[in-house]
Amino acid sequence: MMGSLRENLKVIREILTSKWYWIIVSIGIAVFLTPYLIVLVILYLPPPINAIAIFGIIVAWGIVAGYKDWIISQRKGKDDSS
């Protein structure tokens, strides 16, 4: 059965005063908010810079995807030769 209320509050206090708990919470919030903030910044840019930023994101996304595929193919080559 559950412990007493005092014991439960002690556990909650230990969790909420833990440094690592707040680091994890902060990183989680940043992971969710960062994409929205980037979209807002791009929307507030003037029209020519807006298009350049969107094009740059698309090009960077393609480069990263190609690099990922290249890394995966390199790993498969090493596994096949072993």
Foldseek 3Di string as FASTA:
>chain_A
DDDDPVVVVVVVVVLVPDPVNVVVVVVVVCVVCVVVVVVVVLVPDPVVVSVVVVVVVVVVVVVVVVVVVVVVVVVVVVVVVD
